C-alpha cells in the first residue's frame, strides 16, 4: 500500500502543471544514491539492506536498484533518478518496478527457469522471486563437481556498485549447485544427469 501511495505521489507530482515545463536532468550517482536511501526510509521506515544508483547517466536519468527488508518483508525496487524543478525524483517509464516477498525457500520446480524463458534442464529452489534465476541456472549448468565460479544473474551491464545484487558465487557438490549473492538471495539448482 505504501508503494502504491508513493508511486501516486511521484506520478501526480510529475503530471502537475509546470512539472513538464523544465526538462529532466540526471543527478550525480552519489546524490541519487543518497536520495534513494531517504526515499526508502520514508517509504518503509526502519530498513536494512542495500541500494545504489551506480550510473552512468543515460537520457537524463540514473538507474538505481535497492533491496531492503523490514522485519520479514523484503522489497526490491529499480527506479530511475531524475532532477525535476531542482528535486531528485524517482520514476520509471510507466511505474517504479518493485517486487515484495517474504524470504523462504520455494519448492523445487521449473517455474523460475521457464519464467526466464530458458531451456536449461533441471529444477531450482530459490529464496527470492526477484532475480532471473533461469539465466543464472543456464550459466551454472556447466559447473563440474567441486568447482566454484562467480556468475551474473542478469544479461547485460549492471553498472559499478550493482554487483552485490547480481554477482552470485556458485558451487557444485554432487548433483546440487548452490548460488548466493552478497545480500543472501540464493538458488539451489538440480540439473538433470546427462
C-alpha atoms as a PDB file:
ATOM      1  CA  UNK A   1       0.000   0.000   0.000  1.00  0.00           C
ATOM      2  CA  UNK A   2       2.819   2.407   0.894  1.00  0.00           C
ATOM      3  CA  UNK A   3       4.420   1.736  -2.500  1.00  0.00           C
ATOM      4  CA  UNK A   4       1.166   2.489  -4.331  1.00  0.00           C
ATOM      5  CA  UNK A   5       0.810   5.778  -2.442  1.00  0.00           C
ATOM      6  CA  UNK A   6       4.419   6.736  -3.115  1.00  0.00           C
ATOM      7  CA  UNK A   7       4.085   5.930  -6.809  1.00  0.00           C
ATOM      8  CA  UNK A   8       0.891   8.001  -6.970  1.00  0.00           C
ATOM      9  CA  UNK A   9       2.641  10.928  -5.278  1.00  0.00           C
ATOM     10  CA  UNK A  10       5.524  10.714  -7.756  1.00  0.00           C
ATOM     11  CA  UNK A  11       3.257  10.344 -10.797  1.00  0.00           C
ATOM     12  CA  UNK A  12       0.952  13.129  -9.601  1.00  0.00           C
ATOM     13  CA  UNK A  13       3.905  15.432  -8.963  1.00  0.00           C
ATOM     14  CA  UNK A  14       5.226  14.770 -12.446  1.00  0.00           C
ATOM     15  CA  UNK A  15       1.873  15.462 -14.063  1.00  0.00           C
ATOM     16  CA  UNK A  16       1.257  18.695 -12.144  1.00  0.00           C
ATOM     17  CA  UNK A  17       1.156  21.934 -14.154  1.00  0.00           C
ATOM     18  CA  UNK A  18       4.634  23.220 -14.820  1.00  0.00           C
ATOM     19  CA  UNK A  19       6.297  19.927 -13.939  1.00  0.00           C
ATOM     20  CA  UNK A  20       6.840  19.103 -17.592  1.00  0.00           C
ATOM     21  CA  UNK A  21       7.999  22.634 -18.457  1.00  0.00           C
ATOM     22  CA  UNK A  22      11.519  22.026 -17.128  1.00  0.00           C
ATOM     23  CA  UNK A  23      13.432  19.229 -18.820  1.00  0.00           C
ATOM     24  CA  UNK A  24      14.622  16.406 -16.589  1.00  0.00           C
ATOM     25  CA  UNK A  25      18.329  16.154 -15.917  1.00  0.00           C
ATOM     26  CA  UNK A  26      20.309  13.406 -14.289  1.00  0.00           C
ATOM     27  CA  UNK A  27      21.659  13.780 -10.759  1.00  0.00           C
ATOM     28  CA  UNK A  28      25.128  12.524  -9.902  1.00  0.00           C
ATOM     29  CA  UNK A  29      25.185   8.844  -8.911  1.00  0.00           C
ATOM     30  CA  UNK A  30      26.248   9.705  -5.336  1.00  0.00           C
ATOM     31  CA  UNK A  31      23.441  12.263  -4.847  1.00  0.00           C
ATOM     32  CA  UNK A  32      20.900   9.906  -6.393  1.00  0.00           C
ATOM     33  CA  UNK A  33      22.041   7.080  -4.080  1.00  0.00           C
ATOM     34  CA  UNK A  34      21.695   9.306  -1.001  1.00  0.00           C
ATOM     35  CA  UNK A  35      18.241  10.481  -2.136  1.00  0.00           C
ATOM     36  CA  UNK A  36      17.198   6.871  -2.763  1.00  0.00           C
ATOM     37  CA  UNK A  37      18.175   5.975   0.813  1.00  0.00           C
ATOM     38  CA  UNK A  38      15.995   8.812   2.156  1.00  0.00           C
ATOM     39  CA  UNK A  39      13.143   7.765  -0.125  1.00  0.00           C
ATOM     40  CA  UNK A  40      13.340   4.132   1.027  1.00  0.00           C
ATOM     41  CA  UNK A  41      13.302   5.173   4.697  1.00  0.00           C
ATOM     42  CA  UNK A  42      10.228   7.347   4.053  1.00  0.00           C
ATOM     43  CA  UNK A  43       8.550   4.517   2.187  1.00  0.00           C
ATOM     44  CA  UNK A  44       9.297   1.605   4.531  1.00  0.00           C
ATOM     45  CA  UNK A  45      10.538   3.101   7.824  1.00  0.00           C
ATOM     46  CA  UNK A  46      13.451   1.359   9.531  1.00  0.00           C
ATOM     47  CA  UNK A  47      15.093  -0.723   6.831  1.00  0.00           C
ATOM     48  CA  UNK A  48      18.182  -2.826   6.351  1.00  0.00           C
ATOM     49  CA  UNK A  49      19.670  -3.714   3.018  1.00  0.00           C
ATOM     50  CA  UNK A  50      21.460  -2.189   0.102  1.00  0.00           C
ATOM     51  CA  UNK A  51      20.772   0.456  -2.524  1.00  0.00           C
ATOM     52  CA  UNK A  52      22.754   2.159  -5.247  1.00  0.00           C
ATOM     53  CA  UNK A  53      22.434   4.395  -8.283  1.00  0.00           C
ATOM     54  CA  UNK A  54      25.670   3.366  -9.978  1.00  0.00           C
ATOM     55  CA  UNK A  55      25.453   5.425 -13.142  1.00  0.00           C
ATOM     56  CA  UNK A  56      26.324   6.386 -15.749  1.00  0.00           C
ATOM     57  CA  UNK A  57      23.600   8.866 -16.639  1.00  0.00           C
ATOM     58  CA  UNK A  58      21.534   7.863 -19.674  1.00  0.00           C
ATOM     59  CA  UNK A  59      18.970  10.127 -21.347  1.00  0.00           C
ATOM     60  CA  UNK A  60      18.701  12.443 -18.335  1.00  0.00           C
ATOM     61  CA  UNK A  61      18.387   9.695 -15.728  1.00  0.00           C
ATOM     62  CA  UNK A  62      20.467   7.495 -13.448  1.00  0.00           C
ATOM     63  CA  UNK A  63      19.133   3.959 -12.977  1.00  0.00           C
ATOM     64  CA  UNK A  64      19.030   2.685  -9.398  1.00  0.00           C
ATOM     65  CA  UNK A  65      18.496  -0.584  -7.582  1.00  0.00           C
ATOM     66  CA  UNK A  66      17.552  -1.338  -3.989  1.00  0.00           C
ATOM     67  CA  UNK A  67      16.915  -4.459  -1.977  1.00  0.00           C
ATOM     68  CA  UNK A  68      15.834  -3.787   1.593  1.00  0.00           C
ATOM     69  CA  UNK A  69      13.861  -5.507   4.295  1.00  0.00           C
ATOM     70  CA  UNK A  70      11.706  -4.520   7.234  1.00  0.00           C
ATOM     71  CA  UNK A  71      11.301  -7.498   9.515  1.00  0.00           C
ATOM     72  CA  UNK A  72      10.408 -10.479   7.342  1.00  0.00           C
ATOM     73  CA  UNK A  73       9.252  -8.487   4.311  1.00  0.00           C
ATOM     74  CA  UNK A  74      11.782  -7.893   1.520  1.00  0.00           C
ATOM     75  CA  UNK A  75      11.480  -5.257  -1.205  1.00  0.00           C
ATOM     76  CA  UNK A  76      13.438  -4.872  -4.433  1.00  0.00           C
ATOM     77  CA  UNK A  77      12.941  -1.667  -6.405  1.00  0.00           C
ATOM     78  CA  UNK A  78      14.537  -0.466  -9.631  1.00  0.00           C
ATOM     79  CA  UNK A  79      13.604   3.195 -10.146  1.00  0.00           C
ATOM     80  CA  UNK A  80      15.326   5.841 -12.233  1.00  0.00           C
ATOM     81  CA  UNK A  81      16.504   9.103 -10.642  1.00  0.00           C
ATOM     82  CA  UNK A  82      15.957  12.425 -12.394  1.00  0.00           C
ATOM     83  CA  UNK A  83      16.083  16.048 -11.345  1.00  0.00           C
ATOM     84  CA  UNK A  84      12.839  17.969 -11.809  1.00  0.00           C
ATOM     85  CA  UNK A  85      12.472  21.531 -10.564  1.00  0.00           C
ATOM     86  CA  UNK A  86      15.703  21.101  -8.588  1.00  0.00           C
ATOM     87  CA  UNK A  87      14.499  17.986  -6.719  1.00  0.00           C
ATOM     88  CA  UNK A  88      15.577  14.380  -7.247  1.00  0.00           C
ATOM     89  CA  UNK A  89      12.531  12.272  -8.114  1.00  0.00           C
ATOM     90  CA  UNK A  90      12.285   8.542  -8.770  1.00  0.00           C
ATOM     91  CA  UNK A  91      10.353   7.275 -11.754  1.00  0.00           C
ATOM     92  CA  UNK A  92      10.353   4.583 -14.376  1.00  0.00           C
ATOM     93  CA  UNK A  93       8.904   4.641 -17.871  1.00  0.00           C
ATOM     94  CA  UNK A  94       5.495   3.507 -16.585  1.00  0.00           C
ATOM     95  CA  UNK A  95       5.909   2.757 -12.877  1.00  0.00           C
ATOM     96  CA  UNK A  96       8.567   2.027 -10.297  1.00  0.00           C
ATOM     97  CA  UNK A  97       9.385  -1.646 -10.774  1.00  0.00           C
ATOM     98  CA  UNK A  98       9.029  -3.338  -7.384  1.00  0.00           C
ATOM     99  CA  UNK A  99       8.873  -6.862  -6.004  1.00  0.00           C
ATOM    100  CA  UNK A 100       7.872  -7.644  -2.404  1.00  0.00           C
ATOM    101  CA  UNK A 101       8.183 -11.060  -0.755  1.00  0.00           C
ATOM    102  CA  UNK A 102       8.769 -12.911   2.483  1.00  0.00           C
ATOM    103  CA  UNK A 103      12.034 -14.807   2.203  1.00  0.00           C
ATOM    104  CA  UNK A 104      11.539 -18.568   2.178  1.00  0.00           C
ATOM    105  CA  UNK A 105      12.554 -21.493   0.005  1.00  0.00           C
ATOM    106  CA  UNK A 106      10.134 -22.163  -2.851  1.00  0.00           C
ATOM    107  CA  UNK A 107       9.701 -25.881  -3.692  1.00  0.00           C
ATOM    108  CA  UNK A 108      11.943 -27.329  -6.407  1.00  0.00           C
ATOM    109  CA  UNK A 109      10.316 -26.796  -9.783  1.00  0.00           C
ATOM    110  CA  UNK A 110      10.907 -25.494 -13.308  1.00  0.00           C
ATOM    111  CA  UNK A 111       8.782 -22.374 -12.636  1.00  0.00           C
ATOM    112  CA  UNK A 112      11.659 -19.897 -12.204  1.00  0.00           C
ATOM    113  CA  UNK A 113      13.575 -21.405 -15.133  1.00  0.00           C
ATOM    114  CA  UNK A 114      10.595 -21.200 -17.502  1.00  0.00           C
ATOM    115  CA  UNK A 115       9.682 -17.713 -16.266  1.00  0.00           C
ATOM    116  CA  UNK A 116      13.083 -16.621 -17.614  1.00  0.00           C
ATOM    117  CA  UNK A 117      12.416 -18.362 -20.962  1.00  0.00           C
ATOM    118  CA  UNK A 118      15.489 -20.558 -20.533  1.00  0.00           C
ATOM    119  CA  UNK A 119      15.723 -24.107 -21.859  1.00  0.00           C
ATOM    120  CA  UNK A 120      18.227 -25.294 -19.247  1.00  0.00           C
ATOM    121  CA  UNK A 121      17.327 -28.734 -17.838  1.00  0.00           C
ATOM    122  CA  UNK A 122      16.579 -29.445 -14.198  1.00  0.00           C
ATOM    123  CA  UNK A 123      14.740 -27.767 -11.326  1.00  0.00           C
ATOM    124  CA  UNK A 124      15.506 -24.912  -8.931  1.00  0.00           C
ATOM    125  CA  UNK A 125      14.502 -23.858  -5.438  1.00  0.00           C
ATOM    126  CA  UNK A 126      15.003 -20.151  -4.651  1.00  0.00           C
ATOM    127  CA  UNK A 127      14.556 -17.946  -1.598  1.00  0.00           C
ATOM    128  CA  UNK A 128      13.583 -14.819  -3.555  1.00  0.00           C
ATOM    129  CA  UNK A 129      11.424 -14.239  -6.650  1.00  0.00           C
ATOM    130  CA  UNK A 130      13.344 -11.091  -7.605  1.00  0.00           C
ATOM    131  CA  UNK A 131      16.059 -12.468  -9.890  1.00  0.00           C
ATOM    132  CA  UNK A 132      16.454 -14.008 -13.314  1.00  0.00           C
ATOM    133  CA  UNK A 133      17.065 -17.474 -11.889  1.00  0.00           C
ATOM    134  CA  UNK A 134      16.769 -19.219 -15.244  1.00  0.00           C
ATOM    135  CA  UNK A 135      19.608 -17.101 -16.648  1.00  0.00           C
ATOM    136  CA  UNK A 136      21.736 -17.907 -13.591  1.00  0.00           C
ATOM    137  CA  UNK A 137      20.912 -21.627 -13.876  1.00  0.00           C
ATOM    138  CA  UNK A 138      21.964 -21.601 -17.535  1.00  0.00           C
ATOM    139  CA  UNK A 139      25.340 -20.169 -16.529  1.00  0.00           C
ATOM    140  CA  UNK A 140      25.741 -22.580 -13.610  1.00  0.00           C
ATOM    141  CA  UNK A 141      24.713 -25.692 -15.527  1.00  0.00           C
ATOM    142  CA  UNK A 142      28.249 -26.269 -16.809  1.00  0.00           C
ATOM    143  CA  UNK A 143      29.863 -26.431 -13.353  1.00  0.00           C
ATOM    144  CA  UNK A 144      31.709 -29.679 -12.565  1.00  0.00           C
ATOM    145  CA  UNK A 145      31.645 -31.383  -9.172  1.00  0.00           C
ATOM    146  CA  UNK A 146      33.816 -29.414  -6.716  1.00  0.00           C
ATOM    147  CA  UNK A 147      34.027 -26.354  -8.975  1.00  0.00           C
ATOM    148  CA  UNK A 148      33.168 -22.797  -7.823  1.00  0.00           C
ATOM    149  CA  UNK A 149      32.585 -19.793 -10.083  1.00  0.00           C
ATOM    150  CA  UNK A 150      31.207 -16.247  -9.892  1.00  0.00           C
ATOM    151  CA  UNK A 151      28.272 -15.761 -12.253  1.00  0.00           C
ATOM    152  CA  UNK A 152      25.933 -12.914 -13.147  1.00  0.00           C
ATOM    153  CA  UNK A 153      22.166 -13.172 -12.746  1.00  0.00           C
ATOM    154  CA  UNK A 154      21.451 -10.545 -15.382  1.00  0.00           C
ATOM    155  CA  UNK A 155      22.054 -10.325 -19.105  1.00  0.00           C
ATOM    156  CA  UNK A 156      23.810  -7.016 -19.733  1.00  0.00           C
ATOM    157  CA  UNK A 157      25.686  -4.238 -17.989  1.00  0.00           C
ATOM    158  CA  UNK A 158      24.580  -3.524 -14.404  1.00  0.00           C
ATOM    159  CA  UNK A 159      26.852  -0.625 -13.514  1.00  0.00           C
ATOM    160  CA  UNK A 160      29.530  -0.229 -10.897  1.00  0.00           C
ATOM    161  CA  UNK A 161      28.147  -0.910  -7.432  1.00  0.00           C
ATOM    162  CA  UNK A 162      25.337  -3.232  -8.537  1.00  0.00           C
ATOM    163  CA  UNK A 163      27.492  -6.367  -8.471  1.00  0.00           C
ATOM    164  CA  UNK A 164      26.410  -7.147  -4.882  1.00  0.00           C
ATOM    165  CA  UNK A 165      22.918  -7.671  -6.306  1.00  0.00           C
ATOM    166  CA  UNK A 166      23.721  -9.597  -9.473  1.00  0.00           C
ATOM    167  CA  UNK A 167      27.007 -11.429  -8.851  1.00  0.00           C
ATOM    168  CA  UNK A 168      26.464 -14.884  -7.378  1.00  0.00           C
ATOM    169  CA  UNK A 169      29.044 -17.323  -6.043  1.00  0.00           C
ATOM    170  CA  UNK A 170      28.033 -20.715  -7.396  1.00  0.00           C
ATOM    171  CA  UNK A 171      29.483 -24.079  -6.422  1.00  0.00           C
ATOM    172  CA  UNK A 172      28.661 -27.673  -7.257  1.00  0.00           C
ATOM    173  CA  UNK A 173      28.748 -30.613  -4.880  1.00  0.00           C
ATOM    174  CA  UNK A 174      27.488 -33.803  -6.450  1.00  0.00           C
ATOM    175  CA  UNK A 175      24.143 -33.205  -8.151  1.00  0.00           C
ATOM    176  CA  UNK A 176      23.451 -29.866  -6.404  1.00  0.00           C
ATOM    177  CA  UNK A 177      24.595 -26.407  -7.497  1.00  0.00           C
ATOM    178  CA  UNK A 178      24.137 -23.599  -4.975  1.00  0.00           C
ATOM    179  CA  UNK A 179      24.431 -19.908  -5.806  1.00  0.00           C
ATOM    180  CA  UNK A 180      24.283 -16.954  -3.380  1.00  0.00           C
ATOM    181  CA  UNK A 181      24.809 -13.200  -3.705  1.00  0.00           C
ATOM    182  CA  UNK A 182      26.129 -10.771  -1.059  1.00  0.00           C
ATOM    183  CA  UNK A 183      22.564  -9.958   0.055  1.00  0.00           C
ATOM    184  CA  UNK A 184      21.633 -13.558   0.870  1.00  0.00           C
ATOM    185  CA  UNK A 185      19.487 -14.232  -2.214  1.00  0.00           C
ATOM    186  CA  UNK A 186      20.092 -17.823  -3.199  1.00  0.00           C
ATOM    187  CA  UNK A 187      19.278 -20.597  -5.661  1.00  0.00           C
ATOM    188  CA  UNK A 188      19.611 -24.364  -5.321  1.00  0.00           C
ATOM    189  CA  UNK A 189      19.796 -25.947  -8.760  1.00  0.00           C
ATOM    190  CA  UNK A 190      19.493 -29.647  -9.553  1.00  0.00           C
ATOM    191  CA  UNK A 191      20.400 -30.202 -13.194  1.00  0.00           C
ATOM    192  CA  UNK A 192      19.230 -33.455 -14.693  1.00  0.00           C
ATOM    193  CA  UNK A 193      22.012 -36.000 -15.121  1.00  0.00           C
ATOM    194  CA  UNK A 194      23.292 -36.197 -18.680  1.00  0.00           C
END
